[in-house]
């Protein structure tokens, strides 16, 4: 399989949990329409409000890189980037 799987884990700064999740949810609808996006899910922890995990599947790295450079991501970073505390990004491939 040549798909790129991206796992993005973010924690909202205290007091920004709901606002960050709302901004991220708005982003999902845009990203799902992009060329090369196979799936794009936003999941929130039941134990830690504001802790989210994006599970993304892209046709290839080029499609993901185009997404990351897109105007929708610039707008998201401008609107919500300062609300994000901890962040981790994993780029993976499915092996089984």
PDB file of N, CA and C in Angstrom:
ATOM      1  N   UNK A   1       0.849  -1.186   0.000  1.00  0.00           N
ATOM      2  CA  UNK A   1       0.000   0.000   0.000  1.00  0.00           C
ATOM      3  C   UNK A   1       0.885   1.236   0.000  1.00  0.00           C
ATOM      4  N   UNK A   2       0.511   2.207  -0.819  1.00  0.00           N
ATOM      5  CA  UNK A   2       1.342   3.402  -0.910  1.00  0.00           C
ATOM      6  C   UNK A   2       0.701   4.612  -0.252  1.00  0.00           C
ATOM      7  N   UNK A   3      -0.505   4.456   0.324  1.00  0.00           N
ATOM      8  CA  UNK A   3      -1.164   5.579   0.980  1.00  0.00           C
ATOM      9  C   UNK A   3      -0.299   6.087   2.131  1.00  0.00           C
ATOM     10  N   UNK A   4      -0.389   7.385   2.389  1.00  0.00           N
ATOM     11  CA  UNK A   4       0.249   7.978   3.556  1.00  0.00           C
ATOM     12  C   UNK A   4      -0.804   8.112   4.643  1.00  0.00           C
ATOM     13  N   UNK A   5      -0.498   7.608   5.812  1.00  0.00           N
ATOM     14  CA  UNK A   5      -1.380   7.746   6.967  1.00  0.00           C
ATOM     15  C   UNK A   5      -0.725   8.744   7.914  1.00  0.00           C
ATOM     16  N   UNK A   6      -1.507   9.719   8.330  1.00  0.00           N
ATOM     17  CA  UNK A   6      -1.010  10.739   9.245  1.00  0.00           C
ATOM     18  C   UNK A   6      -1.872  10.697  10.496  1.00  0.00           C
ATOM     19  N   UNK A   7      -1.200  10.662  11.638  1.00  0.00           N
ATOM     20  CA  UNK A   7      -1.862  10.744  12.939  1.00  0.00           C
ATOM     21  C   UNK A   7      -1.364  12.036  13.581  1.00  0.00           C
ATOM     22  N   UNK A   8      -2.283  12.960  13.805  1.00  0.00           N
ATOM     23  CA  UNK A   8      -1.937  14.226  14.445  1.00  0.00           C
ATOM     24  C   UNK A   8      -2.644  14.280  15.794  1.00  0.00           C
ATOM     25  N   UNK A   9      -1.871  14.502  16.846  1.00  0.00           N
ATOM     26  CA  UNK A   9      -2.411  14.529  18.204  1.00  0.00           C
ATOM     27  C   UNK A   9      -2.177  15.924  18.768  1.00  0.00           C
ATOM     28  N   UNK A  10      -3.252  16.553  19.216  1.00  0.00           N
ATOM     29  CA  UNK A  10      -3.149  17.913  19.738  1.00  0.00           C
ATOM     30  C   UNK A  10      -3.883  18.025  21.061  1.00  0.00           C
ATOM     31  N   UNK A  11      -3.388  18.888  21.910  1.00  0.00           N
ATOM     32  CA  UNK A  11      -4.049  19.219  23.171  1.00  0.00           C
ATOM     33  C   UNK A  11      -4.270  20.721  23.207  1.00  0.00           C
ATOM     34  N   UNK A  12      -5.496  21.115  23.438  1.00  0.00           N
ATOM     35  CA  UNK A  12      -5.808  22.539  23.549  1.00  0.00           C
ATOM     36  C   UNK A  12      -5.185  23.110  24.812  1.00  0.00           C
ATOM     37  N   UNK A  13      -4.806  24.374  24.733  1.00  0.00           N
ATOM     38  CA  UNK A  13      -4.374  25.072  25.938  1.00  0.00           C
ATOM     39  C   UNK A  13      -5.580  25.207  26.869  1.00  0.00           C
ATOM     40  N   UNK A  14      -5.348  25.244  28.171  1.00  0.00           N
ATOM     41  CA  UNK A  14      -6.463  25.369  29.123  1.00  0.00           C
ATOM     42  C   UNK A  14      -7.356  26.566  28.780  1.00  0.00           C
ATOM     43  N   UNK A  15      -8.647  26.307  28.802  1.00  0.00           N
ATOM     44  CA  UNK A  15      -9.623  27.348  28.508  1.00  0.00           C
ATOM     45  C   UNK A  15     -10.006  27.444  27.040  1.00  0.00           C
ATOM     46  N   UNK A  16      -9.273  26.752  26.166  1.00  0.00           N
ATOM     47  CA  UNK A  16      -9.534  26.808  24.721  1.00  0.00           C
ATOM     48  C   UNK A  16     -10.067  25.493  24.163  1.00  0.00           C
ATOM     49  N   UNK A  17     -10.412  24.566  25.027  1.00  0.00           N
ATOM     50  CA  UNK A  17     -10.806  23.233  24.573  1.00  0.00           C
ATOM     51  C   UNK A  17     -11.953  23.277  23.552  1.00  0.00           C
ATOM     52  N   UNK A  18     -13.052  23.885  23.903  1.00  0.00           N
ATOM     53  CA  UNK A  18     -14.222  23.904  23.017  1.00  0.00           C
ATOM     54  C   UNK A  18     -13.953  24.698  21.745  1.00  0.00           C
ATOM     55  N   UNK A  19     -13.293  25.831  21.865  1.00  0.00           N
ATOM     56  CA  UNK A  19     -13.022  26.671  20.694  1.00  0.00           C
ATOM     57  C   UNK A  19     -12.096  25.968  19.707  1.00  0.00           C
ATOM     58  N   UNK A  20     -11.091  25.278  20.221  1.00  0.00           N
ATOM     59  CA  UNK A  20     -10.173  24.573  19.330  1.00  0.00           C
ATOM     60  C   UNK A  20     -10.876  23.423  18.623  1.00  0.00           C
ATOM     61  N   UNK A  21     -11.632  22.633  19.347  1.00  0.00           N
ATOM     62  CA  UNK A  21     -12.340  21.507  18.731  1.00  0.00           C
ATOM     63  C   UNK A  21     -13.314  22.027  17.668  1.00  0.00           C
ATOM     64  N   UNK A  22     -13.978  23.136  17.926  1.00  0.00           N
ATOM     65  CA  UNK A  22     -14.893  23.711  16.935  1.00  0.00           C
ATOM     66  C   UNK A  22     -14.131  24.133  15.675  1.00  0.00           C
ATOM     67  N   UNK A  23     -13.004  24.793  15.839  1.00  0.00           N
ATOM     68  CA  UNK A  23     -12.204  25.218  14.688  1.00  0.00           C
ATOM     69  C   UNK A  23     -11.694  24.011  13.905  1.00  0.00           C
ATOM     70  N   UNK A  24     -11.295  22.972  14.612  1.00  0.00           N
ATOM     71  CA  UNK A  24     -10.822  21.762  13.944  1.00  0.00           C
ATOM     72  C   UNK A  24     -11.960  21.072  13.202  1.00  0.00           C
ATOM     73  N   UNK A  25     -13.137  21.031  13.794  1.00  0.00           N
ATOM     74  CA  UNK A  25     -14.290  20.412  13.144  1.00  0.00           C
ATOM     75  C   UNK A  25     -14.647  21.146  11.853  1.00  0.00           C
ATOM     76  N   UNK A  26     -14.541  22.457  11.864  1.00  0.00           N
ATOM     77  CA  UNK A  26     -14.802  23.243  10.652  1.00  0.00           C
ATOM     78  C   UNK A  26     -13.788  22.917   9.566  1.00  0.00           C
ATOM     79  N   UNK A  27     -12.557  22.668   9.952  1.00  0.00           N
ATOM     80  CA  UNK A  27     -11.502  22.340   9.003  1.00  0.00           C
ATOM     81  C   UNK A  27     -11.783  21.009   8.302  1.00  0.00           C
ATOM     82  N   UNK A  28     -12.348  20.065   9.011  1.00  0.00           N
ATOM     83  CA  UNK A  28     -12.587  18.725   8.466  1.00  0.00           C
ATOM     84  C   UNK A  28     -13.407  18.777   7.183  1.00  0.00           C
ATOM     85  N   UNK A  29     -14.484  19.548   7.178  1.00  0.00           N
ATOM     86  CA  UNK A  29     -15.358  19.610   6.005  1.00  0.00           C
ATOM     87  C   UNK A  29     -14.612  20.101   4.768  1.00  0.00           C
ATOM     88  N   UNK A  30     -13.692  21.021   4.954  1.00  0.00           N
ATOM     89  CA  UNK A  30     -12.904  21.557   3.834  1.00  0.00           C
ATOM     90  C   UNK A  30     -11.911  20.509   3.338  1.00  0.00           C
ATOM     91  N   UNK A  31     -11.186  19.915   4.256  1.00  0.00           N
ATOM     92  CA  UNK A  31     -10.107  18.995   3.889  1.00  0.00           C
ATOM     93  C   UNK A  31     -10.654  17.748   3.203  1.00  0.00           C
ATOM     94  N   UNK A  32     -11.792  17.265   3.624  1.00  0.00           N
ATOM     95  CA  UNK A  32     -12.353  16.051   3.011  1.00  0.00           C
ATOM     96  C   UNK A  32     -12.634  16.219   1.516  1.00  0.00           C
ATOM     97  N   UNK A  33     -12.743  17.454   1.049  1.00  0.00           N
ATOM     98  CA  UNK A  33     -13.015  17.714  -0.363  1.00  0.00           C
ATOM     99  C   UNK A  33     -11.746  17.828  -1.210  1.00  0.00           C
ATOM    100  N   UNK A  34     -10.582  17.806  -0.592  1.00  0.00           N
ATOM    101  CA  UNK A  34      -9.331  18.023  -1.315  1.00  0.00           C
ATOM    102  C   UNK A  34      -8.944  16.814  -2.166  1.00  0.00           C
ATOM    103  N   UNK A  35      -8.344  17.073  -3.324  1.00  0.00           N
ATOM    104  CA  UNK A  35      -7.825  15.971  -4.139  1.00  0.00           C
ATOM    105  C   UNK A  35      -6.789  15.175  -3.337  1.00  0.00           C
ATOM    106  N   UNK A  36      -6.885  13.883  -3.397  1.00  0.00           N
ATOM    107  CA  UNK A  36      -5.922  13.021  -2.713  1.00  0.00           C
ATOM    108  C   UNK A  36      -6.280  12.668  -1.290  1.00  0.00           C
ATOM    109  N   UNK A  37      -7.322  13.295  -0.734  1.00  0.00           N
ATOM    110  CA  UNK A  37      -7.761  12.959   0.627  1.00  0.00           C
ATOM    111  C   UNK A  37      -8.670  11.746   0.557  1.00  0.00           C
ATOM    112  N   UNK A  38      -8.226  10.653   1.157  1.00  0.00           N
ATOM    113  CA  UNK A  38      -9.025   9.432   1.192  1.00  0.00           C
ATOM    114  C   UNK A  38      -9.948   9.445   2.409  1.00  0.00           C
ATOM    115  N   UNK A  39      -9.408   9.840   3.559  1.00  0.00           N
ATOM    116  CA  UNK A  39     -10.232   9.997   4.758  1.00  0.00           C
ATOM    117  C   UNK A  39      -9.556  10.985   5.704  1.00  0.00           C
ATOM    118  N   UNK A  40     -10.369  11.653   6.501  1.00  0.00           N
ATOM    119  CA  UNK A  40      -9.880  12.692   7.409  1.00  0.00           C
ATOM    120  C   UNK A  40     -10.851  12.728   8.583  1.00  0.00           C
ATOM    121  N   UNK A  41     -10.437  12.162   9.717  1.00  0.00           N
ATOM    122  CA  UNK A  41     -11.305  12.045  10.893  1.00  0.00           C
ATOM    123  C   UNK A  41     -10.761  12.854  12.056  1.00  0.00           C
ATOM    124  N   UNK A  42     -11.659  13.454  12.792  1.00  0.00           N
ATOM    125  CA  UNK A  42     -11.315  14.153  14.017  1.00  0.00           C
ATOM    126  C   UNK A  42     -11.971  13.424  15.171  1.00  0.00           C
ATOM    127  N   UNK A  43     -11.182  13.042  16.162  1.00  0.00           N
ATOM    128  CA  UNK A  43     -11.660  12.300  17.329  1.00  0.00           C
ATOM    129  C   UNK A  43     -11.226  13.035  18.593  1.00  0.00           C
ATOM    130  N   UNK A  44     -12.145  13.161  19.558  1.00  0.00           N
ATOM    131  CA  UNK A  44     -11.813  13.826  20.816  1.00  0.00           C
ATOM    132  C   UNK A  44     -11.827  12.822  21.959  1.00  0.00           C
ATOM    133  N   UNK A  45     -10.861  12.938  22.832  1.00  0.00           N
ATOM    134  CA  UNK A  45     -10.758  12.065  23.996  1.00  0.00           C
ATOM    135  C   UNK A  45     -11.977  12.214  24.905  1.00  0.00           C
ATOM    136  N   UNK A  46     -12.443  11.096  25.416  1.00  0.00           N
ATOM    137  CA  UNK A  46     -13.525  11.113  26.397  1.00  0.00           C
ATOM    138  C   UNK A  46     -13.014  11.509  27.781  1.00  0.00           C
ATOM    139  N   UNK A  47     -11.733  11.269  28.036  1.00  0.00           N
ATOM    140  CA  UNK A  47     -11.155  11.553  29.352  1.00  0.00           C
ATOM    141  C   UNK A  47     -10.536  12.944  29.450  1.00  0.00           C
ATOM    142  N   UNK A  48     -10.092  13.498  28.336  1.00  0.00           N
ATOM    143  CA  UNK A  48      -9.395  14.785  28.348  1.00  0.00           C
ATOM    144  C   UNK A  48     -10.021  15.711  27.308  1.00  0.00           C
ATOM    145  N   UNK A  49     -10.987  16.527  27.696  1.00  0.00           N
ATOM    146  CA  UNK A  49     -11.556  17.470  26.737  1.00  0.00           C
ATOM    147  C   UNK A  49     -10.454  18.315  26.091  1.00  0.00           C
ATOM    148  N   UNK A  50     -10.589  18.533  24.803  1.00  0.00           N
ATOM    149  CA  UNK A  50      -9.595  19.325  24.090  1.00  0.00           C
ATOM    150  C   UNK A  50      -8.403  18.526  23.602  1.00  0.00           C
ATOM    151  N   UNK A  51      -8.341  17.246  23.902  1.00  0.00           N
ATOM    152  CA  UNK A  51      -7.290  16.374  23.367  1.00  0.00           C
ATOM    153  C   UNK A  51      -7.888  15.650  22.177  1.00  0.00           C
ATOM    154  N   UNK A  52      -7.324  15.918  21.005  1.00  0.00           N
ATOM    155  CA  UNK A  52      -7.888  15.364  19.782  1.00  0.00           C
ATOM    156  C   UNK A  52      -6.844  14.573  19.013  1.00  0.00           C
ATOM    157  N   UNK A  53      -7.371  13.648  18.215  1.00  0.00           N
ATOM    158  CA  UNK A  53      -6.530  12.858  17.332  1.00  0.00           C
ATOM    159  C   UNK A  53      -7.145  12.926  15.928  1.00  0.00           C
ATOM    160  N   UNK A  54      -6.383  13.454  15.000  1.00  0.00           N
ATOM    161  CA  UNK A  54      -6.766  13.383  13.598  1.00  0.00           C
ATOM    162  C   UNK A  54      -6.190  12.081  13.041  1.00  0.00           C
ATOM    163  N   UNK A  55      -7.015  11.333  12.324  1.00  0.00           N
ATOM    164  CA  UNK A  55      -6.558  10.146  11.614  1.00  0.00           C
ATOM    165  C   UNK A  55      -6.816  10.441  10.137  1.00  0.00           C
ATOM    166  N   UNK A  56      -5.730  10.561   9.391  1.00  0.00           N
ATOM    167  CA  UNK A  56      -5.811  10.978   7.996  1.00  0.00           C
ATOM    168  C   UNK A  56      -5.241   9.897   7.089  1.00  0.00           C
ATOM    169  N   UNK A  57      -5.831   9.756   5.916  1.00  0.00           N
ATOM    170  CA  UNK A  57      -5.282   8.864   4.895  1.00  0.00           C
ATOM    171  C   UNK A  57      -5.255   9.663   3.594  1.00  0.00           C
ATOM    172  N   UNK A  58      -4.062   9.715   3.014  1.00  0.00           N
ATOM    173  CA  UNK A  58      -3.830  10.472   1.784  1.00  0.00           C
ATOM    174  C   UNK A  58      -3.348   9.543   0.681  1.00  0.00           C
ATOM    175  N   UNK A  59      -3.686   9.883  -0.541  1.00  0.00           N
ATOM    176  CA  UNK A  59      -3.268   9.099  -1.703  1.00  0.00           C
ATOM    177  C   UNK A  59      -1.747   8.941  -1.722  1.00  0.00           C
ATOM    178  N   UNK A  60      -1.045  10.022  -1.372  1.00  0.00           N
ATOM    179  CA  UNK A  60       0.417  10.003  -1.340  1.00  0.00           C
ATOM    180  C   UNK A  60       0.919  11.222  -0.571  1.00  0.00           C
ATOM    181  N   UNK A  61       2.214  11.272  -0.355  1.00  0.00           N
ATOM    182  CA  UNK A  61       2.816  12.380   0.395  1.00  0.00           C
ATOM    183  C   UNK A  61       2.584  13.721  -0.290  1.00  0.00           C
ATOM    184  N   UNK A  62       2.623  13.739  -1.615  1.00  0.00           N
ATOM    185  CA  UNK A  62       2.432  14.995  -2.351  1.00  0.00           C
ATOM    186  C   UNK A  62       1.055  15.598  -2.061  1.00  0.00           C
ATOM    187  N   UNK A  63       0.018  14.773  -2.002  1.00  0.00           N
ATOM    188  CA  UNK A  63      -1.331  15.270  -1.702  1.00  0.00           C
ATOM    189  C   UNK A  63      -1.378  15.858  -0.288  1.00  0.00           C
ATOM    190  N   UNK A  64      -0.746  15.183   0.671  1.00  0.00           N
ATOM    191  CA  UNK A  64      -0.724  15.699   2.044  1.00  0.00           C
ATOM    192  C   UNK A  64       0.054  17.009   2.125  1.00  0.00           C
ATOM    193  N   UNK A  65       1.193  17.081   1.443  1.00  0.00           N
ATOM    194  CA  UNK A  65       1.995  18.305   1.463  1.00  0.00           C
ATOM    195  C   UNK A  65       1.240  19.471   0.835  1.00  0.00           C
ATOM    196  N   UNK A  66       0.491  19.206  -0.235  1.00  0.00           N
ATOM    197  CA  UNK A  66      -0.326  20.254  -0.849  1.00  0.00           C
ATOM    198  C   UNK A  66      -1.375  20.747   0.145  1.00  0.00           C
ATOM    199  N   UNK A  67      -2.005  19.832   0.838  1.00  0.00           N
ATOM    200  CA  UNK A  67      -2.970  20.189   1.894  1.00  0.00           C
ATOM    201  C   UNK A  67      -2.311  21.067   2.952  1.00  0.00           C
ATOM    202  N   UNK A  68      -1.151  20.687   3.420  1.00  0.00           N
ATOM    203  CA  UNK A  68      -0.493  21.432   4.491  1.00  0.00           C
ATOM    204  C   UNK A  68      -0.080  22.843   4.064  1.00  0.00           C
ATOM    205  N   UNK A  69       0.130  23.060   2.767  1.00  0.00           N
ATOM    206  CA  UNK A  69       0.500  24.383   2.257  1.00  0.00           C
ATOM    207  C   UNK A  69      -0.706  25.192   1.782  1.00  0.00           C
ATOM    208  N   UNK A  70      -1.892  24.622   1.892  1.00  0.00           N
ATOM    209  CA  UNK A  70      -3.084  25.256   1.345  1.00  0.00           C
ATOM    210  C   UNK A  70      -3.567  26.454   2.144  1.00  0.00           C
ATOM    211  N   UNK A  71      -4.361  27.307   1.500  1.00  0.00           N
ATOM    212  CA  UNK A  71      -4.893  28.496   2.178  1.00  0.00           C
ATOM    213  C   UNK A  71      -5.806  28.140   3.354  1.00  0.00           C
ATOM    214  N   UNK A  72      -6.462  26.994   3.293  1.00  0.00           N
ATOM    215  CA  UNK A  72      -7.310  26.564   4.416  1.00  0.00           C
ATOM    216  C   UNK A  72      -6.478  26.320   5.667  1.00  0.00           C
ATOM    217  N   UNK A  73      -5.252  25.814   5.487  1.00  0.00           N
ATOM    218  CA  UNK A  73      -4.386  25.586   6.649  1.00  0.00           C
ATOM    219  C   UNK A  73      -3.817  26.900   7.171  1.00  0.00           C
ATOM    220  N   UNK A  74      -3.506  27.828   6.277  1.00  0.00           N
ATOM    221  CA  UNK A  74      -3.063  29.155   6.724  1.00  0.00           C
ATOM    222  C   UNK A  74      -4.156  29.816   7.557  1.00  0.00           C
ATOM    223  N   UNK A  75      -5.407  29.715   7.083  1.00  0.00           N
ATOM    224  CA  UNK A  75      -6.528  30.307   7.814  1.00  0.00           C
ATOM    225  C   UNK A  75      -6.723  29.617   9.161  1.00  0.00           C
ATOM    226  N   UNK A  76      -6.603  28.291   9.184  1.00  0.00           N
ATOM    227  CA  UNK A  76      -6.751  27.556  10.442  1.00  0.00           C
ATOM    228  C   UNK A  76      -5.654  27.956  11.430  1.00  0.00           C
ATOM    229  N   UNK A  77      -4.416  27.994  10.957  1.00  0.00           N
ATOM    230  CA  UNK A  77      -3.304  28.372  11.856  1.00  0.00           C
ATOM    231  C   UNK A  77      -3.506  29.782  12.411  1.00  0.00           C
ATOM    232  N   UNK A  78      -3.975  30.687  11.578  1.00  0.00           N
ATOM    233  CA  UNK A  78      -4.205  32.062  12.013  1.00  0.00           C
ATOM    234  C   UNK A  78      -5.310  32.123  13.070  1.00  0.00           C
ATOM    235  N   UNK A  79      -6.378  31.362  12.846  1.00  0.00           N
ATOM    236  CA  UNK A  79      -7.524  31.374  13.751  1.00  0.00           C
ATOM    237  C   UNK A  79      -7.267  30.597  15.037  1.00  0.00           C
ATOM    238  N   UNK A  80      -6.651  29.426  14.923  1.00  0.00           N
ATOM    239  CA  UNK A  80      -6.613  28.507  16.065  1.00  0.00           C
ATOM    240  C   UNK A  80      -5.223  28.072  16.496  1.00  0.00           C
ATOM    241  N   UNK A  81      -4.213  28.417  15.759  1.00  0.00           N
ATOM    242  CA  UNK A  81      -2.866  27.957  16.097  1.00  0.00           C
ATOM    243  C   UNK A  81      -2.436  28.297  17.513  1.00  0.00           C
ATOM    244  N   UNK A  82      -2.822  29.460  17.985  1.00  0.00           N
ATOM    245  CA  UNK A  82      -2.415  29.876  19.332  1.00  0.00           C
ATOM    246  C   UNK A  82      -3.174  29.126  20.433  1.00  0.00           C
ATOM    247  N   UNK A  83      -4.213  28.376  20.072  1.00  0.00           N
ATOM    248  CA  UNK A  83      -4.989  27.612  21.057  1.00  0.00           C
ATOM    249  C   UNK A  83      -4.374  26.239  21.329  1.00  0.00           C
ATOM    250  N   UNK A  84      -3.427  25.840  20.492  1.00  0.00           N
ATOM    251  CA  UNK A  84      -2.848  24.501  20.600  1.00  0.00           C
ATOM    252  C   UNK A  84      -1.683  24.508  21.570  1.00  0.00           C
ATOM    253  N   UNK A  85      -1.728  23.576  22.513  1.00  0.00           N
ATOM    254  CA  UNK A  85      -0.611  23.401  23.432  1.00  0.00           C
ATOM    255  C   UNK A  85       0.311  22.346  22.867  1.00  0.00           C
ATOM    256  N   UNK A  86       0.224  21.150  23.378  1.00  0.00           N
ATOM    257  CA  UNK A  86       1.055  20.038  22.905  1.00  0.00           C
ATOM    258  C   UNK A  86       0.576  19.571  21.537  1.00  0.00           C
ATOM    259  N   UNK A  87       1.528  19.119  20.710  1.00  0.00           N
ATOM    260  CA  UNK A  87       1.197  18.636  19.373  1.00  0.00           C
ATOM    261  C   UNK A  87       2.217  17.592  18.958  1.00  0.00           C
ATOM    262  N   UNK A  88       1.733  16.519  18.343  1.00  0.00           N
ATOM    263  CA  UNK A  88       2.619  15.481  17.839  1.00  0.00           C
ATOM    264  C   UNK A  88       2.069  15.016  16.490  1.00  0.00           C
ATOM    265  N   UNK A  89       2.967  14.708  15.559  1.00  0.00           N
ATOM    266  CA  UNK A  89       2.580  14.295  14.222  1.00  0.00           C
ATOM    267  C   UNK A  89       3.334  13.032  13.857  1.00  0.00           C
ATOM    268  N   UNK A  90       2.590  12.005  13.438  1.00  0.00           N
ATOM    269  CA  UNK A  90       3.176  10.750  13.013  1.00  0.00           C
ATOM    270  C   UNK A  90       2.817  10.514  11.559  1.00  0.00           C
ATOM    271  N   UNK A  91       3.806  10.202  10.737  1.00  0.00           N
ATOM    272  CA  UNK A  91       3.571   9.838   9.349  1.00  0.00           C
ATOM    273  C   UNK A  91       3.846   8.340   9.235  1.00  0.00           C
ATOM    274  N   UNK A  92       2.864   7.609   8.724  1.00  0.00           N
ATOM    275  CA  UNK A  92       2.929   6.157   8.800  1.00  0.00           C
ATOM    276  C   UNK A  92       2.506   5.524   7.476  1.00  0.00           C
ATOM    277  N   UNK A  93       2.753   4.229   7.401  1.00  0.00           N
ATOM    278  CA  UNK A  93       2.253   3.430   6.301  1.00  0.00           C
ATOM    279  C   UNK A  93       1.627   2.187   6.887  1.00  0.00           C
ATOM    280  N   UNK A  94       0.571   1.704   6.263  1.00  0.00           N
ATOM    281  CA  UNK A  94      -0.084   0.492   6.737  1.00  0.00           C
ATOM    282  C   UNK A  94       0.747  -0.708   6.284  1.00  0.00           C
ATOM    283  N   UNK A  95       1.009  -1.612   7.204  1.00  0.00           N
ATOM    284  CA  UNK A  95       1.814  -2.789   6.875  1.00  0.00           C
ATOM    285  C   UNK A  95       1.015  -4.091   6.931  1.00  0.00           C
ATOM    286  N   UNK A  96      -0.141  -4.061   7.514  1.00  0.00           N
ATOM    287  CA  UNK A  96      -0.981  -5.270   7.573  1.00  0.00           C
ATOM    288  C   UNK A  96      -2.425  -4.879   7.725  1.00  0.00           C
TER     289      UNK A  96
END
